Amino acid sequence: MKDNQHSNNSCSNKEIPETDYQRISCDYYDYLEMYAIQKQQLILKYKDAHNQTAEKKIQIKTLETKNKEEFMISTDGMRLRLDKIISLTPISNLEEE
């Protein structure tokens, strides 16, 4: 399981966001990109709109930045701010059969 490691270091020289968004580490962002490219099925544990822990099976479609916040878009249309991710666990091909 890969846990979200928050970092105040930015991958670029962008100014500090004006929202409460907490940037994720560049290494963790790279994992998210890899999961999207590989079309990996994942178990996502995250904080929902009510700040409750939730869990869902997903596949990452793309990542995007809007208003200085980073988001994950899943293939089922879920849009989640990256700092709401608690953990992602890859589902092995054996578990899917």
PDB file of N, CA and C in Angstrom:
ATOM      1  N   MET A   1       0.851  -1.170   0.000  1.00  0.00           N
ATOM      2  CA  MET A   1       0.000   0.000   0.000  1.00  0.00           C
ATOM      3  C   MET A   1       0.893   1.229   0.000  1.00  0.00           C
ATOM      4  N   LYS A   2       0.527   2.202  -0.803  1.00  0.00           N
ATOM      5  CA  LYS A   2       1.292   3.439  -0.893  1.00  0.00           C
ATOM      6  C   LYS A   2       0.497   4.530  -0.203  1.00  0.00           C
ATOM      7  N   ASP A   3       1.005   5.049   0.910  1.00  0.00           N
ATOM      8  CA  ASP A   3       0.315   6.124   1.634  1.00  0.00           C
ATOM      9  C   ASP A   3       0.700   7.465   1.060  1.00  0.00           C
ATOM     10  N   ASN A   4      -0.229   8.406   1.147  1.00  0.00           N
ATOM     11  CA  ASN A   4      -0.013   9.765   0.660  1.00  0.00           C
ATOM     12  C   ASN A   4       0.969  10.471   1.581  1.00  0.00           C
ATOM     13  N   GLN A   5       2.068  10.914   1.018  1.00  0.00           N
ATOM     14  CA  GLN A   5       3.086  11.648   1.766  1.00  0.00           C
ATOM     15  C   GLN A   5       2.995  13.111   1.368  1.00  0.00           C
ATOM     16  N   HIS A   6       2.463  13.949   2.228  1.00  0.00           N
ATOM     17  CA  HIS A   6       2.337  15.373   1.917  1.00  0.00           C
ATOM     18  C   HIS A   6       3.700  16.048   2.003  1.00  0.00           C
ATOM     19  N   SER A   7       3.872  17.035   1.174  1.00  0.00           N
ATOM     20  CA  SER A   7       5.134  17.763   1.145  1.00  0.00           C
ATOM     21  C   SER A   7       4.852  19.227   0.851  1.00  0.00           C
ATOM     22  N   ASN A   8       5.606  20.095   1.462  1.00  0.00           N
ATOM     23  CA  ASN A   8       5.482  21.506   1.156  1.00  0.00           C
ATOM     24  C   ASN A   8       6.318  21.876  -0.051  1.00  0.00           C
ATOM     25  N   ASN A   9       7.133  20.930  -0.532  1.00  0.00           N
ATOM     26  CA  ASN A   9       7.968  21.188  -1.688  1.00  0.00           C
ATOM     27  C   ASN A   9       7.153  20.992  -2.950  1.00  0.00           C
ATOM     28  N   SER A  10       7.278  21.931  -3.855  1.00  0.00           N
ATOM     29  CA  SER A  10       6.566  21.867  -5.121  1.00  0.00           C
ATOM     30  C   SER A  10       7.472  21.268  -6.182  1.00  0.00           C
ATOM     31  N   CYS A  11       6.852  20.627  -7.194  1.00  0.00           N
ATOM     32  CA  CYS A  11       7.625  20.084  -8.311  1.00  0.00           C
ATOM     33  C   CYS A  11       8.102  21.196  -9.228  1.00  0.00           C
ATOM     34  N   SER A  12       7.506  22.349  -9.108  1.00  0.00           N
ATOM     35  CA  SER A  12       7.885  23.479  -9.937  1.00  0.00           C
ATOM     36  C   SER A  12       8.018  24.714  -9.055  1.00  0.00           C
ATOM     37  N   ASN A  13       8.274  25.825  -9.665  1.00  0.00           N
ATOM     38  CA  ASN A  13       8.458  27.066  -8.910  1.00  0.00           C
ATOM     39  C   ASN A  13       7.177  27.878  -8.815  1.00  0.00           C
ATOM     40  N   LYS A  14       6.028  27.221  -8.753  1.00  0.00           N
ATOM     41  CA  LYS A  14       4.756  27.923  -8.636  1.00  0.00           C
ATOM     42  C   LYS A  14       4.652  28.559  -7.252  1.00  0.00           C
ATOM     43  N   GLU A  15       3.893  29.641  -7.176  1.00  0.00           N
ATOM     44  CA  GLU A  15       3.693  30.281  -5.883  1.00  0.00           C
ATOM     45  C   GLU A  15       2.799  29.404  -5.009  1.00  0.00           C
ATOM     46  N   ILE A  16       2.797  29.648  -3.726  1.00  0.00           N
ATOM     47  CA  ILE A  16       2.002  28.868  -2.779  1.00  0.00           C
ATOM     48  C   ILE A  16       0.517  29.081  -3.070  1.00  0.00           C
ATOM     49  N   PRO A  17      -0.269  27.979  -3.126  1.00  0.00           N
ATOM     50  CA  PRO A  17      -1.701  28.106  -3.409  1.00  0.00           C
ATOM     51  C   PRO A  17      -2.406  28.982  -2.380  1.00  0.00           C
ATOM     52  N   GLU A  18      -3.471  29.657  -2.828  1.00  0.00           N
ATOM     53  CA  GLU A  18      -4.243  30.522  -1.955  1.00  0.00           C
ATOM     54  C   GLU A  18      -5.388  29.772  -1.287  1.00  0.00           C
ATOM     55  N   THR A  19      -5.546  28.480  -1.558  1.00  0.00           N
ATOM     56  CA  THR A  19      -6.602  27.663  -0.965  1.00  0.00           C
ATOM     57  C   THR A  19      -6.011  26.859   0.191  1.00  0.00           C
ATOM     58  N   ASP A  20      -6.840  25.995   0.786  1.00  0.00           N
ATOM     59  CA  ASP A  20      -6.349  25.124   1.859  1.00  0.00           C
ATOM     60  C   ASP A  20      -5.741  23.835   1.310  1.00  0.00           C
ATOM     61  N   TYR A  21      -5.559  23.755   0.004  1.00  0.00           N
ATOM     62  CA  TYR A  21      -4.987  22.577  -0.635  1.00  0.00           C
ATOM     63  C   TYR A  21      -3.564  22.343  -0.135  1.00  0.00           C
ATOM     64  N   GLN A  22      -3.286  21.102   0.224  1.00  0.00           N
ATOM     65  CA  GLN A  22      -1.943  20.703   0.653  1.00  0.00           C
ATOM     66  C   GLN A  22      -1.309  19.905  -0.473  1.00  0.00           C
ATOM     67  N   ARG A  23      -0.259  20.453  -1.079  1.00  0.00           N
ATOM     68  CA  ARG A  23       0.395  19.767  -2.199  1.00  0.00           C
ATOM     69  C   ARG A  23       0.895  18.401  -1.773  1.00  0.00           C
ATOM     70  N   ILE A  24       0.807  17.444  -2.708  1.00  0.00           N
ATOM     71  CA  ILE A  24       1.360  16.121  -2.437  1.00  0.00           C
ATOM     72  C   ILE A  24       2.789  16.099  -2.951  1.00  0.00           C
ATOM     73  N   SER A  25       3.543  15.105  -2.543  1.00  0.00           N
ATOM     74  CA  SER A  25       4.941  15.030  -2.982  1.00  0.00           C
ATOM     75  C   SER A  25       5.006  14.686  -4.463  1.00  0.00           C
ATOM     76  N   CYS A  26       6.081  15.086  -5.092  1.00  0.00           N
ATOM     77  CA  CYS A  26       6.299  14.783  -6.507  1.00  0.00           C
ATOM     78  C   CYS A  26       6.385  13.274  -6.733  1.00  0.00           C
ATOM     79  N   ASP A  27       7.002  12.563  -5.805  1.00  0.00           N
ATOM     80  CA  ASP A  27       7.110  11.109  -5.922  1.00  0.00           C
ATOM     81  C   ASP A  27       5.730  10.452  -5.906  1.00  0.00           C
ATOM     82  N   TYR A  28       4.846  10.915  -5.024  1.00  0.00           N
ATOM     83  CA  TYR A  28       3.507  10.349  -4.944  1.00  0.00           C
ATOM     84  C   TYR A  28       2.722  10.666  -6.220  1.00  0.00           C
ATOM     85  N   TYR A  29       2.882  11.871  -6.748  1.00  0.00           N
ATOM     86  CA  TYR A  29       2.234  12.245  -8.007  1.00  0.00           C
ATOM     87  C   TYR A  29       2.695  11.320  -9.130  1.00  0.00           C
ATOM     88  N   ASP A  30       3.984  10.983  -9.136  1.00  0.00           N
ATOM     89  CA  ASP A  30       4.523  10.062 -10.143  1.00  0.00           C
ATOM     90  C   ASP A  30       3.843   8.697 -10.053  1.00  0.00           C
ATOM     91  N   TYR A  31       3.590   8.217  -8.824  1.00  0.00           N
ATOM     92  CA  TYR A  31       2.870   6.945  -8.656  1.00  0.00           C
ATOM     93  C   TYR A  31       1.467   7.041  -9.261  1.00  0.00           C
ATOM     94  N   LEU A  32       0.787   8.145  -9.023  1.00  0.00           N
ATOM     95  CA  LEU A  32      -0.560   8.319  -9.567  1.00  0.00           C
ATOM     96  C   LEU A  32      -0.534   8.298 -11.092  1.00  0.00           C
ATOM     97  N   GLU A  33       0.442   8.984 -11.685  1.00  0.00           N
ATOM     98  CA  GLU A  33       0.577   8.971 -13.137  1.00  0.00           C
ATOM     99  C   GLU A  33       0.841   7.559 -13.654  1.00  0.00           C
ATOM    100  N   MET A  34       1.701   6.816 -12.959  1.00  0.00           N
ATOM    101  CA  MET A  34       2.008   5.446 -13.358  1.00  0.00           C
ATOM    102  C   MET A  34       0.757   4.577 -13.311  1.00  0.00           C
ATOM    103  N   TYR A  35      -0.031   4.708 -12.236  1.00  0.00           N
ATOM    104  CA  TYR A  35      -1.268   3.940 -12.126  1.00  0.00           C
ATOM    105  C   TYR A  35      -2.223   4.271 -13.262  1.00  0.00           C
ATOM    106  N   ALA A  36      -2.293   5.538 -13.654  1.00  0.00           N
ATOM    107  CA  ALA A  36      -3.179   5.947 -14.752  1.00  0.00           C
ATOM    108  C   ALA A  36      -2.705   5.345 -16.078  1.00  0.00           C
ATOM    109  N   ILE A  37      -1.415   5.440 -16.353  1.00  0.00           N
ATOM    110  CA  ILE A  37      -0.857   4.910 -17.605  1.00  0.00           C
ATOM    111  C   ILE A  37      -1.064   3.405 -17.702  1.00  0.00           C
ATOM    112  N   GLN A  38      -0.871   2.698 -16.583  1.00  0.00           N
ATOM    113  CA  GLN A  38      -1.004   1.242 -16.565  1.00  0.00           C
ATOM    114  C   GLN A  38      -2.456   0.778 -16.456  1.00  0.00           C
ATOM    115  N   LYS A  39      -3.382   1.722 -16.296  1.00  0.00           N
ATOM    116  CA  LYS A  39      -4.810   1.410 -16.132  1.00  0.00           C
ATOM    117  C   LYS A  39      -5.014   0.409 -14.997  1.00  0.00           C
ATOM    118  N   GLN A  40      -4.283   0.654 -13.923  1.00  0.00           N
ATOM    119  CA  GLN A  40      -4.294  -0.210 -12.747  1.00  0.00           C
ATOM    120  C   GLN A  40      -5.595  -0.054 -11.967  1.00  0.00           C
ATOM    121  N   GLN A  41      -6.230  -1.173 -11.611  1.00  0.00           N
ATOM    122  CA  GLN A  41      -7.381  -1.156 -10.710  1.00  0.00           C
ATOM    123  C   GLN A  41      -6.849  -0.942  -9.294  1.00  0.00           C
ATOM    124  N   LEU A  42      -7.513  -0.074  -8.525  1.00  0.00           N
ATOM    125  CA  LEU A  42      -7.030   0.322  -7.205  1.00  0.00           C
ATOM    126  C   LEU A  42      -8.162   0.334  -6.191  1.00  0.00           C
ATOM    127  N   ILE A  43      -7.809   0.115  -4.943  1.00  0.00           N
ATOM    128  CA  ILE A  43      -8.714   0.402  -3.842  1.00  0.00           C
ATOM    129  C   ILE A  43      -8.275   1.754  -3.299  1.00  0.00           C
ATOM    130  N   LEU A  44      -9.163   2.734  -3.391  1.00  0.00           N
ATOM    131  CA  LEU A  44      -8.902   4.094  -2.946  1.00  0.00           C
ATOM    132  C   LEU A  44      -9.529   4.304  -1.583  1.00  0.00           C
ATOM    133  N   LYS A  45      -8.735   4.748  -0.632  1.00  0.00           N
ATOM    134  CA  LYS A  45      -9.235   5.181   0.674  1.00  0.00           C
ATOM    135  C   LYS A  45      -9.045   6.687   0.704  1.00  0.00           C
ATOM    136  N   TYR A  46     -10.119   7.426   1.029  1.00  0.00           N
ATOM    137  CA  TYR A  46     -10.077   8.882   0.924  1.00  0.00           C
ATOM    138  C   TYR A  46     -11.022   9.541   1.918  1.00  0.00           C
ATOM    139  N   LYS A  47     -10.885  10.848   2.064  1.00  0.00           N
ATOM    140  CA  LYS A  47     -11.796  11.658   2.876  1.00  0.00           C
ATOM    141  C   LYS A  47     -12.878  12.198   1.956  1.00  0.00           C
ATOM    142  N   ASP A  48     -14.146  11.926   2.287  1.00  0.00           N
ATOM    143  CA  ASP A  48     -15.251  12.378   1.441  1.00  0.00           C
ATOM    144  C   ASP A  48     -15.633  13.823   1.768  1.00  0.00           C
ATOM    145  N   ALA A  49     -16.705  14.302   1.163  1.00  0.00           N
ATOM    146  CA  ALA A  49     -17.139  15.698   1.328  1.00  0.00           C
ATOM    147  C   ALA A  49     -17.490  16.036   2.773  1.00  0.00           C
ATOM    148  N   HIS A  50     -17.810  15.011   3.580  1.00  0.00           N
ATOM    149  CA  HIS A  50     -18.144  15.216   4.995  1.00  0.00           C
ATOM    150  C   HIS A  50     -16.956  14.913   5.904  1.00  0.00           C
ATOM    151  N   ASN A  51     -15.765  14.799   5.277  1.00  0.00           N
ATOM    152  CA  ASN A  51     -14.521  14.502   5.983  1.00  0.00           C
ATOM    153  C   ASN A  51     -14.542  13.135   6.671  1.00  0.00           C
ATOM    154  N   GLN A  52     -15.370  12.231   6.148  1.00  0.00           N
ATOM    155  CA  GLN A  52     -15.430  10.859   6.638  1.00  0.00           C
ATOM    156  C   GLN A  52     -14.546   9.989   5.744  1.00  0.00           C
ATOM    157  N   THR A  53     -13.967   8.946   6.314  1.00  0.00           N
ATOM    158  CA  THR A  53     -13.160   8.021   5.532  1.00  0.00           C
ATOM    159  C   THR A  53     -14.083   7.138   4.702  1.00  0.00           C
ATOM    160  N   ALA A  54     -13.773   7.038   3.420  1.00  0.00           N
ATOM    161  CA  ALA A  54     -14.542   6.213   2.497  1.00  0.00           C
ATOM    162  C   ALA A  54     -13.577   5.360   1.683  1.00  0.00           C
ATOM    163  N   GLU A  55     -14.116   4.319   1.056  1.00  0.00           N
ATOM    164  CA  GLU A  55     -13.291   3.420   0.266  1.00  0.00           C
ATOM    165  C   GLU A  55     -14.043   3.059  -1.004  1.00  0.00           C
ATOM    166  N   LYS A  56     -13.305   2.945  -2.112  1.00  0.00           N
ATOM    167  CA  LYS A  56     -13.932   2.691  -3.397  1.00  0.00           C
ATOM    168  C   LYS A  56     -12.929   2.036  -4.334  1.00  0.00           C
ATOM    169  N   LYS A  57     -13.406   1.128  -5.193  1.00  0.00           N
ATOM    170  CA  LYS A  57     -12.571   0.539  -6.232  1.00  0.00           C
ATOM    171  C   LYS A  57     -12.593   1.496  -7.422  1.00  0.00           C
ATOM    172  N   ILE A  58     -11.409   1.886  -7.898  1.00  0.00           N
ATOM    173  CA  ILE A  58     -11.324   2.854  -8.993  1.00  0.00           C
ATOM    174  C   ILE A  58     -10.222   2.495  -9.982  1.00  0.00           C
ATOM    175  N   GLN A  59     -10.237   3.222 -11.088  1.00  0.00           N
ATOM    176  CA  GLN A  59      -9.138   3.239 -12.046  1.00  0.00           C
ATOM    177  C   GLN A  59      -8.942   4.710 -12.404  1.00  0.00           C
ATOM    178  N   ILE A  60      -7.716   5.197 -12.322  1.00  0.00           N
ATOM    179  CA  ILE A  60      -7.442   6.608 -12.613  1.00  0.00           C
ATOM    180  C   ILE A  60      -7.468   6.832 -14.124  1.00  0.00           C
ATOM    181  N   LYS A  61      -8.280   7.789 -14.555  1.00  0.00           N
ATOM    182  CA  LYS A  61      -8.347   8.161 -15.967  1.00  0.00           C
ATOM    183  C   LYS A  61      -7.302   9.227 -16.281  1.00  0.00           C
ATOM    184  N   THR A  62      -7.251  10.267 -15.444  1.00  0.00           N
ATOM    185  CA  THR A  62      -6.317  11.367 -15.680  1.00  0.00           C
ATOM    186  C   THR A  62      -6.117  12.168 -14.399  1.00  0.00           C
ATOM    187  N   LEU A  63      -5.121  13.021 -14.421  1.00  0.00           N
ATOM    188  CA  LEU A  63      -4.854  13.965 -13.342  1.00  0.00           C
ATOM    189  C   LEU A  63      -4.950  15.359 -13.942  1.00  0.00           C
ATOM    190  N   GLU A  64      -5.450  16.319 -13.166  1.00  0.00           N
ATOM    191  CA  GLU A  64      -5.557  17.679 -13.673  1.00  0.00           C
ATOM    192  C   GLU A  64      -5.309  18.679 -12.567  1.00  0.00           C
ATOM    193  N   THR A  65      -4.931  19.885 -12.984  1.00  0.00           N
ATOM    194  CA  THR A  65      -4.739  20.998 -12.055  1.00  0.00           C
ATOM    195  C   THR A  65      -5.729  22.091 -12.431  1.00  0.00           C
ATOM    196  N   LYS A  66      -6.432  22.579 -11.414  1.00  0.00           N
ATOM    197  CA  LYS A  66      -7.384  23.668 -11.627  1.00  0.00           C
ATOM    198  C   LYS A  66      -7.329  24.581 -10.412  1.00  0.00           C
ATOM    199  N   ASN A  67      -7.190  25.885 -10.658  1.00  0.00           N
ATOM    200  CA  ASN A  67      -7.119  26.876  -9.583  1.00  0.00           C
ATOM    201  C   ASN A  67      -6.078  26.503  -8.530  1.00  0.00           C
ATOM    202  N   LYS A  68      -4.919  26.045  -9.000  1.00  0.00           N
ATOM    203  CA  LYS A  68      -3.780  25.702  -8.142  1.00  0.00           C
ATOM    204  C   LYS A  68      -4.031  24.500  -7.244  1.00  0.00           C
ATOM    205  N   GLU A  69      -5.044  23.686  -7.567  1.00  0.00           N
ATOM    206  CA  GLU A  69      -5.317  22.445  -6.844  1.00  0.00           C
ATOM    207  C   GLU A  69      -5.212  21.295  -7.832  1.00  0.00           C
ATOM    208  N   GLU A  70      -4.729  20.139  -7.336  1.00  0.00           N
ATOM    209  CA  GLU A  70      -4.547  18.971  -8.201  1.00  0.00           C
ATOM    210  C   GLU A  70      -5.655  17.961  -7.922  1.00  0.00           C
ATOM    211  N   PHE A  71      -6.164  17.344  -9.000  1.00  0.00           N
ATOM    212  CA  PHE A  71      -7.280  16.411  -8.900  1.00  0.00           C
ATOM    213  C   PHE A  71      -6.993  15.127  -9.659  1.00  0.00           C
ATOM    214  N   MET A  72      -7.612  14.052  -9.184  1.00  0.00           N
ATOM    215  CA  MET A  72      -7.626  12.778  -9.867  1.00  0.00           C
ATOM    216  C   MET A  72      -9.031  12.601 -10.428  1.00  0.00           C
ATOM    217  N   ILE A  73      -9.119  12.183 -11.689  1.00  0.00           N
ATOM    218  CA  ILE A  73     -10.395  11.865 -12.306  1.00  0.00           C
ATOM    219  C   ILE A  73     -10.376  10.364 -12.570  1.00  0.00           C
ATOM    220  N   SER A  74     -11.381   9.645 -12.058  1.00  0.00           N
ATOM    221  CA  SER A  74     -11.441   8.200 -12.277  1.00  0.00           C
ATOM    222  C   SER A  74     -12.261   7.891 -13.523  1.00  0.00           C
ATOM    223  N   THR A  75     -12.172   6.667 -13.990  1.00  0.00           N
ATOM    224  CA  THR A  75     -12.886   6.270 -15.201  1.00  0.00           C
ATOM    225  C   THR A  75     -14.400   6.314 -15.009  1.00  0.00           C
ATOM    226  N   ASP A  76     -14.874   6.272 -13.767  1.00  0.00           N
ATOM    227  CA  ASP A  76     -16.318   6.363 -13.522  1.00  0.00           C
ATOM    228  C   ASP A  76     -16.775   7.806 -13.276  1.00  0.00           C
ATOM    229  N   GLY A  77     -15.863   8.774 -13.468  1.00  0.00           N
ATOM    230  CA  GLY A  77     -16.213  10.186 -13.367  1.00  0.00           C
ATOM    231  C   GLY A  77     -15.990  10.826 -12.008  1.00  0.00           C
ATOM    232  N   MET A  78     -15.516  10.060 -11.038  1.00  0.00           N
ATOM    233  CA  MET A  78     -15.225  10.639  -9.721  1.00  0.00           C
ATOM    234  C   MET A  78     -14.082  11.638  -9.853  1.00  0.00           C
ATOM    235  N   ARG A  79     -14.232  12.791  -9.229  1.00  0.00           N
ATOM    236  CA  ARG A  79     -13.194  13.839  -9.225  1.00  0.00           C
ATOM    237  C   ARG A  79     -12.813  14.081  -7.771  1.00  0.00           C
ATOM    238  N   LEU A  80     -11.545  13.835  -7.437  1.00  0.00           N
ATOM    239  CA  LEU A  80     -11.098  13.925  -6.048  1.00  0.00           C
ATOM    240  C   LEU A  80      -9.828  14.757  -5.975  1.00  0.00           C
ATOM    241  N   ARG A  81      -9.826  15.727  -5.068  1.00  0.00           N
ATOM    242  CA  ARG A  81      -8.627  16.526  -4.831  1.00  0.00           C
ATOM    243  C   ARG A  81      -7.563  15.598  -4.243  1.00  0.00           C
ATOM    244  N   LEU A  82      -6.338  15.692  -4.732  1.00  0.00           N
ATOM    245  CA  LEU A  82      -5.294  14.738  -4.372  1.00  0.00           C
ATOM    246  C   LEU A  82      -4.958  14.726  -2.890  1.00  0.00           C
ATOM    247  N   ASP A  83      -5.118  15.837  -2.191  1.00  0.00           N
ATOM    248  CA  ASP A  83      -4.794  15.831  -0.765  1.00  0.00           C
ATOM    249  C   ASP A  83      -5.878  15.153   0.079  1.00  0.00           C
ATOM    250  N   LYS A  84      -6.947  14.671  -0.556  1.00  0.00           N
ATOM    251  CA  LYS A  84      -7.993  13.918   0.152  1.00  0.00           C
ATOM    252  C   LYS A  84      -7.723  12.415   0.119  1.00  0.00           C
ATOM    253  N   ILE A  85      -6.711  12.008  -0.651  1.00  0.00           N
ATOM    254  CA  ILE A  85      -6.358  10.592  -0.729  1.00  0.00           C
ATOM    255  C   ILE A  85      -5.634  10.179   0.551  1.00  0.00           C
ATOM    256  N   ILE A  86      -6.116   9.110   1.148  1.00  0.00           N
ATOM    257  CA  ILE A  86      -5.449   8.542   2.320  1.00  0.00           C
ATOM    258  C   ILE A  86      -4.475   7.463   1.852  1.00  0.00           C
ATOM    259  N   SER A  87      -4.960   6.568   0.993  1.00  0.00           N
ATOM    260  CA  SER A  87      -4.098   5.518   0.452  1.00  0.00           C
ATOM    261  C   SER A  87      -4.691   4.946  -0.827  1.00  0.00           C
ATOM    262  N   LEU A  88      -3.819   4.329  -1.614  1.00  0.00           N
ATOM    263  CA  LEU A  88      -4.204   3.604  -2.815  1.00  0.00           C
ATOM    264  C   LEU A  88      -3.554   2.237  -2.743  1.00  0.00           C
ATOM    265  N   THR A  89      -4.339   1.191  -2.971  1.00  0.00           N
ATOM    266  CA  THR A  89      -3.815  -0.167  -2.950  1.00  0.00           C
ATOM    267  C   THR A  89      -4.088  -0.821  -4.292  1.00  0.00           C
ATOM    268  N   PRO A  90      -3.044  -1.191  -5.040  1.00  0.00           N
ATOM    269  CA  PRO A  90      -3.264  -1.872  -6.306  1.00  0.00           C
ATOM    270  C   PRO A  90      -3.955  -3.216  -6.090  1.00  0.00           C
ATOM    271  N   ILE A  91      -4.863  -3.530  -6.987  1.00  0.00           N
ATOM    272  CA  ILE A  91      -5.533  -4.830  -6.966  1.00  0.00           C
ATOM    273  C   ILE A  91      -4.788  -5.708  -7.958  1.00  0.00           C
ATOM    274  N   SER A  92      -4.269  -6.822  -7.480  1.00  0.00           N
ATOM    275  CA  SER A  92      -3.508  -7.700  -8.359  1.00  0.00           C
ATOM    276  C   SER A  92      -4.451  -8.394  -9.332  1.00  0.00           C
ATOM    277  N   ASN A  93      -3.914  -8.800 -10.469  1.00  0.00           N
ATOM    278  CA  ASN A  93      -4.702  -9.499 -11.474  1.00  0.00           C
ATOM    279  C   ASN A  93      -5.312 -10.792 -10.923  1.00  0.00           C
ATOM    280  N   LEU A  94      -4.628 -11.439  -9.995  1.00  0.00           N
ATOM    281  CA  LEU A  94      -5.146 -12.663  -9.398  1.00  0.00           C
ATOM    282  C   LEU A  94      -6.424 -12.413  -8.601  1.00  0.00           C
ATOM    283  N   GLU A  95      -6.500 -11.271  -7.926  1.00  0.00           N
ATOM    284  CA  GLU A  95      -7.670 -10.954  -7.121  1.00  0.00           C
ATOM    285  C   GLU A  95      -8.888 -10.661  -7.984  1.00  0.00           C
ATOM    286  N   GLU A  96      -8.666 -10.227  -9.250  1.00  0.00           N
ATOM    287  CA  GLU A  96      -9.758  -9.865 -10.132  1.00  0.00           C
ATOM    288  C   GLU A  96     -10.420 -11.068 -10.769  1.00  0.00           C
ATOM    289  N   GLU A  97      -9.723 -12.217 -10.836  1.00  0.00           N
ATOM    290  CA  GLU A  97     -10.267 -13.398 -11.503  1.00  0.00           C
ATOM    291  C   GLU A  97     -11.299 -14.100 -10.666  1.00  0.00           C
TER     292      GLU A  97
END
